[in-house]
Amino acid sequence: MLLIRTGLPEEGELLLCEVKKVHFHSVFVKILEYGMEGMIHISEIAPGRIRNIRDYVREGKYIVCKVLRIDQVKHHVDLSLRRVNERERRGKTNQISLENRAESIVEHVAKITKMDGKEFYLLLTKKLFEDYDFLYDAFLDVSEGKLDLSKIGIPDKQGKALQEAVVEKVKPPITSIKGKLELSSFSADGVEVIKNGVKKLNDEVKGGYEIRYDGAGAYSLIIEGPDFEYCEKLLKKILKNLEDFFSKHDGEVNFEKK
């Protein structure tokens, strides 16, 4: 991991740590993002009475901790393991995994362009960390066309190569909404009405969704997009299109999210 932040962490911040020393009443860890030491008191390891602290932590193990207190003068950091819930632990672990992936792309580009990897990383992050907390966040903007790495003030050769590598290897996250769509019509030609309603939808609302026929007026609706807000907006557009049509043809539209 190349990421080393300057200064001190903030209270409540989640940090990835490596266990270095386990004592009877405390654990000392290396805070990887800041390159400094932190301490976890036994009372902050796990809830309830702890008979053997090594049942929870061992030297060399990587753990996610939360910052409790910081001594600004002594640069002493008190941490908690028990106050990190499973969602927070998974989120932080995934964040670090993505950052390591971004760093590996930088190292690869440095190698093929014959530049020292650490030197290139420091040059790049000096530019990007003015606007981003993590390298991977910047790379997501590159993949979405919001940032051009060849124009941020790094050497042209490395900038162009990195831009191409990020576009190839980092894809925008996909959010999806899935559900069961039921279409019905009480008209004499109800089957044709349903078919025409689906055809009208496909003609007027393009892209971002798939509608699959399951039988007897039942469909599976799958919507995909860059974020939940986009998917919700598209879902509302699809349902309004269908409801406008079926309200004029003695029909009904029902949708249930999975």
Protein backbone atom coordinates (compact mmCIF):
# COMPACT_ATOMS: atom_id res chain seq x y z
CA MET A 1 0.00 0.00 0.00
CA LEU A 2 1.54 3.31 -1.15
CA LEU A 3 -1.00 5.63 0.47
CA ILE A 4 0.46 7.50 3.44
CA ARG A 5 -1.44 10.57 4.64
CA THR A 6 0.14 13.53 6.41
CA GLY A 7 -1.09 14.89 9.73
CA LEU A 8 -3.33 13.00 12.14
CA PRO A 9 -6.57 11.05 11.63
CA GLU A 10 -9.86 12.47 12.88
CA GLU A 11 -12.05 11.20 15.72
CA GLY A 12 -14.59 8.71 14.37
CA GLU A 13 -12.49 7.94 11.27
CA LEU A 14 -12.31 4.30 10.16
CA LEU A 15 -8.78 3.01 9.60
CA LEU A 16 -7.16 -0.19 8.38
CA CYS A 17 -4.57 -1.33 10.91
CA GLU A 18 -2.00 -4.11 11.23
CA VAL A 19 -1.65 -5.71 14.66
CA LYS A 20 1.97 -5.40 15.84
CA LYS A 21 2.01 -6.25 19.57
CA VAL A 22 -0.56 -7.95 21.79
CA HIS A 23 -0.27 -7.35 25.54
CA PHE A 24 -2.43 -8.50 28.43
CA HIS A 25 -4.55 -5.32 28.56
CA SER A 26 -3.81 -3.58 25.25
CA VAL A 27 -2.98 -4.01 21.58
CA PHE A 28 -0.60 -1.87 19.54
CA VAL A 29 -1.21 -1.51 15.81
CA LYS A 30 0.26 0.23 12.81
CA ILE A 31 -2.23 2.62 11.18
CA LEU A 32 -1.46 1.91 7.54
CA GLU A 33 -2.90 5.07 5.98
CA TYR A 34 -0.91 7.34 8.29
CA GLY A 35 2.21 5.24 8.92
CA MET A 36 1.91 5.70 12.69
CA GLU A 37 1.13 3.65 15.78
CA GLY A 38 -2.19 3.40 17.60
CA MET A 39 -3.39 1.62 20.74
CA ILE A 40 -6.53 -0.39 21.53
CA HIS A 41 -7.38 -0.91 25.22
CA ILE A 42 -8.80 -4.34 26.10
CA SER A 43 -12.18 -2.73 26.87
CA GLU A 44 -12.37 -1.62 23.20
CA ILE A 45 -11.58 -5.03 21.70
CA ALA A 46 -15.00 -6.65 22.07
CA PRO A 47 -18.16 -6.29 24.19
CA GLY A 48 -18.35 -8.25 27.44
CA ARG A 49 -15.63 -9.83 29.49
CA ILE A 50 -12.50 -10.92 27.63
CA ARG A 51 -10.57 -13.84 29.10
CA ASN A 52 -7.90 -14.08 26.41
CA ILE A 53 -7.27 -11.09 24.18
CA ARG A 54 -5.61 -13.35 21.59
CA ASP A 55 -8.97 -14.94 20.87
CA TYR A 56 -9.78 -11.69 19.04
CA VAL A 57 -6.50 -10.31 17.70
CA ARG A 58 -3.09 -11.70 16.78
CA GLU A 59 0.15 -10.22 15.48
CA GLY A 60 0.09 -9.73 11.73
CA LYS A 61 -3.69 -9.61 11.49
CA TYR A 62 -5.34 -6.72 9.60
CA ILE A 63 -8.31 -5.11 11.37
CA VAL A 64 -10.58 -2.10 10.85
CA CYS A 65 -10.64 0.28 13.83
CA LYS A 66 -12.42 3.50 14.74
CA VAL A 67 -10.56 6.51 16.16
CA LEU A 68 -11.71 7.34 19.73
CA ARG A 69 -9.28 10.02 20.90
CA ILE A 70 -6.21 11.83 19.62
CA ASP A 71 -3.48 13.49 21.67
CA GLN A 72 -2.44 16.31 19.33
CA VAL A 73 0.77 16.98 21.28
CA LYS A 74 2.03 13.42 21.76
CA HIS A 75 0.52 12.17 18.46
CA HIS A 76 -1.08 9.35 20.43
CA VAL A 77 -4.16 7.67 18.90
CA ASP A 78 -6.67 5.59 20.89
CA LEU A 79 -8.65 3.17 18.76
CA SER A 80 -11.66 0.87 19.10
CA LEU A 81 -12.30 -2.46 17.43
CA ARG A 82 -15.65 -3.26 19.09
CA ARG A 83 -17.32 -0.04 17.90
CA VAL A 84 -16.89 -0.95 14.22
CA ASN A 85 -20.00 -2.68 12.90
CA GLU A 86 -20.02 -5.23 10.08
CA ARG A 87 -21.23 -2.74 7.47
CA GLU A 88 -18.45 -0.30 8.34
CA ARG A 89 -15.85 -3.07 8.32
CA ARG A 90 -16.92 -4.31 4.88
CA GLY A 91 -17.06 -0.77 3.52
CA LYS A 92 -13.56 0.13 4.70
CA THR A 93 -12.08 -3.17 3.55
CA ASN A 94 -13.62 -2.69 0.11
CA GLN A 95 -12.35 0.90 -0.02
CA ILE A 96 -8.78 -0.21 0.69
CA SER A 97 -9.08 -3.05 -1.84
CA LEU A 98 -10.12 -0.56 -4.55
CA GLU A 99 -7.30 1.81 -3.57
CA ASN A 100 -4.77 -1.03 -3.89
CA ARG A 101 -6.20 -1.75 -7.33
CA ALA A 102 -5.70 1.90 -8.32
CA GLU A 103 -2.13 1.83 -7.02
CA SER A 104 -1.36 -1.28 -9.07
CA ILE A 105 -2.50 0.54 -12.22
CA VAL A 106 -0.14 3.42 -11.39
CA GLU A 107 2.76 1.02 -10.81
CA HIS A 108 2.04 -0.77 -14.09
CA VAL A 109 2.02 2.51 -16.06
CA ALA A 110 5.21 3.66 -14.34
CA LYS A 111 6.90 0.41 -15.34
CA ILE A 112 5.90 0.49 -19.02
CA THR A 113 6.83 4.20 -19.30
CA LYS A 114 10.14 3.62 -17.50
CA MET A 115 9.54 5.84 -14.48
CA ASP A 116 10.09 5.06 -10.80
CA GLY A 117 6.77 3.81 -9.39
CA LYS A 118 6.89 5.61 -6.06
CA GLU A 119 8.05 8.85 -7.70
CA PHE A 120 5.19 8.69 -10.19
CA TYR A 121 2.66 7.91 -7.43
CA LEU A 122 3.79 10.89 -5.33
CA LEU A 123 3.69 13.23 -8.33
CA LEU A 124 0.22 12.02 -9.30
CA THR A 125 -1.32 12.15 -5.83
CA LYS A 126 0.15 15.60 -5.17
CA LYS A 127 -2.08 16.79 -8.00
CA LEU A 128 -5.15 14.63 -7.34
CA PHE A 129 -5.34 14.70 -3.55
CA GLU A 130 -6.19 18.39 -3.69
CA ASP A 131 -9.66 17.33 -4.87
CA TYR A 132 -9.92 13.63 -3.96
CA ASP A 133 -9.45 11.62 -0.75
CA PHE A 134 -8.60 8.45 -2.65
CA LEU A 135 -6.90 7.70 -5.95
CA TYR A 136 -9.66 5.28 -6.95
CA ASP A 137 -12.26 8.06 -6.61
CA ALA A 138 -10.33 10.09 -9.19
CA PHE A 139 -10.09 7.05 -11.46
CA LEU A 140 -13.89 6.64 -11.32
CA ASP A 141 -14.24 10.20 -12.63
CA VAL A 142 -11.81 9.28 -15.42
CA SER A 143 -13.92 6.25 -16.36
CA GLU A 144 -17.05 8.44 -16.45
CA GLY A 145 -15.37 11.06 -18.66
CA LYS A 146 -15.23 13.74 -15.95
CA LEU A 147 -11.43 13.89 -15.62
CA ASP A 148 -8.55 13.74 -18.12
CA LEU A 149 -5.31 12.65 -16.45
CA SER A 150 -3.26 13.86 -19.41
CA LYS A 151 -4.22 17.43 -18.52
CA ILE A 152 -3.46 17.66 -14.79
CA GLY A 153 0.18 18.66 -15.07
CA ILE A 154 2.05 15.34 -15.09
CA PRO A 155 4.44 14.31 -17.90
CA ASP A 156 2.60 13.74 -21.20
CA LYS A 157 3.94 10.22 -21.71
CA GLN A 158 2.77 9.00 -18.30
CA GLY A 159 -0.44 11.05 -18.37
CA LYS A 160 -1.66 9.63 -21.67
CA ALA A 161 -0.67 6.06 -20.76
CA LEU A 162 -2.41 6.31 -17.38
CA GLN A 163 -5.55 7.80 -18.93
CA GLU A 164 -5.79 4.86 -21.36
CA ALA A 165 -5.08 2.27 -18.64
CA VAL A 166 -7.72 3.66 -16.29
CA VAL A 167 -10.39 3.83 -19.02
CA GLU A 168 -9.62 0.19 -19.87
CA LYS A 169 -9.43 -1.22 -16.34
CA VAL A 170 -11.82 0.88 -14.22
CA LYS A 171 -15.52 0.72 -15.02
CA PRO A 172 -18.22 2.92 -13.48
CA PRO A 173 -20.23 1.12 -10.78
CA ILE A 174 -23.57 -0.28 -11.89
CA THR A 175 -26.69 0.05 -9.75
CA SER A 176 -29.76 -2.00 -10.60
CA ILE A 177 -33.44 -2.19 -9.72
CA LYS A 178 -35.25 -5.45 -10.43
CA GLY A 179 -38.89 -6.35 -10.05
CA LYS A 180 -42.01 -8.09 -11.24
CA LEU A 181 -44.21 -6.16 -13.65
CA GLU A 182 -47.83 -7.23 -14.19
CA LEU A 183 -49.82 -5.83 -17.11
CA SER A 184 -53.53 -6.53 -17.62
CA SER A 185 -56.38 -5.31 -19.79
CA PHE A 186 -60.11 -6.03 -19.58
CA SER A 187 -60.66 -5.21 -23.26
CA ALA A 188 -61.85 -7.92 -25.62
CA ASP A 189 -58.47 -7.79 -27.36
CA GLY A 190 -56.55 -7.64 -24.06
CA VAL A 191 -53.60 -9.70 -25.28
CA GLU A 192 -52.99 -7.30 -28.17
CA VAL A 193 -53.37 -4.32 -25.85
CA ILE A 194 -50.61 -5.66 -23.58
CA LYS A 195 -48.32 -6.33 -26.55
CA ASN A 196 -48.93 -2.84 -27.93
CA GLY A 197 -48.28 -1.28 -24.49
CA VAL A 198 -44.90 -2.97 -24.24
CA LYS A 199 -44.06 -2.03 -27.85
CA LYS A 200 -44.96 1.61 -27.19
CA LEU A 201 -42.72 1.60 -24.12
CA ASN A 202 -39.77 0.19 -26.07
CA ASP A 203 -40.32 2.72 -28.87
CA GLU A 204 -40.50 5.76 -26.59
CA VAL A 205 -38.14 4.92 -23.69
CA LYS A 206 -34.72 3.95 -25.00
CA GLY A 207 -31.91 2.22 -23.10
CA GLY A 208 -31.08 1.52 -19.47
CA TYR A 209 -33.59 -1.28 -18.93
CA GLU A 210 -34.66 -4.74 -20.07
CA ILE A 211 -38.17 -6.15 -19.99
CA ARG A 212 -38.61 -9.93 -20.23
CA TYR A 213 -41.86 -11.79 -20.81
CA ASP A 214 -42.54 -14.43 -18.13
CA GLY A 215 -46.03 -15.45 -19.26
CA ALA A 216 -49.70 -14.50 -18.70
CA GLY A 217 -49.11 -10.74 -18.57
CA ALA A 218 -46.16 -11.07 -16.21
CA TYR A 219 -42.79 -9.50 -16.99
CA SER A 220 -39.42 -9.12 -15.32
CA LEU A 221 -38.16 -5.53 -15.36
CA ILE A 222 -34.44 -4.87 -14.91
CA ILE A 223 -33.06 -1.32 -14.76
CA GLU A 224 -29.34 -0.55 -14.64
CA GLY A 225 -27.50 2.75 -14.27
CA PRO A 226 -24.60 4.58 -12.62
CA ASP A 227 -26.49 5.26 -9.37
CA PHE A 228 -29.75 4.64 -7.52
CA GLU A 229 -31.14 8.10 -8.33
CA TYR A 230 -30.75 7.44 -12.07
CA CYS A 231 -32.48 4.04 -11.77
CA GLU A 232 -35.37 5.43 -9.71
CA LYS A 233 -35.91 8.23 -12.21
CA LEU A 234 -35.94 5.78 -15.13
CA LEU A 235 -38.33 3.47 -13.23
CA LYS A 236 -40.79 6.33 -12.72
CA LYS A 237 -40.57 7.20 -16.43
CA ILE A 238 -41.24 3.58 -17.45
CA LEU A 239 -44.21 3.17 -15.11
CA LYS A 240 -45.75 6.50 -16.16
CA ASN A 241 -45.46 5.50 -19.83
CA LEU A 242 -47.21 2.19 -19.14
CA GLU A 243 -49.86 3.69 -16.84
CA ASP A 244 -50.73 6.42 -19.37
CA PHE A 245 -51.24 3.77 -22.05
CA PHE A 246 -53.16 1.19 -19.99
CA SER A 247 -55.45 3.79 -18.37
CA LYS A 248 -56.74 4.52 -21.89
CA HIS A 249 -57.23 0.82 -22.71
CA ASP A 250 -59.17 -0.43 -19.69
CA GLY A 251 -56.06 -1.90 -18.10
CA GLU A 252 -53.84 -1.91 -15.03
CA VAL A 253 -50.12 -1.78 -14.25
CA ASN A 254 -48.56 -3.25 -11.11
CA PHE A 255 -44.89 -3.31 -10.19
CA GLU A 256 -43.24 -4.99 -7.21
CA LYS A 257 -39.55 -4.52 -6.45
CA LYS A 258 -37.44 -7.54 -5.61
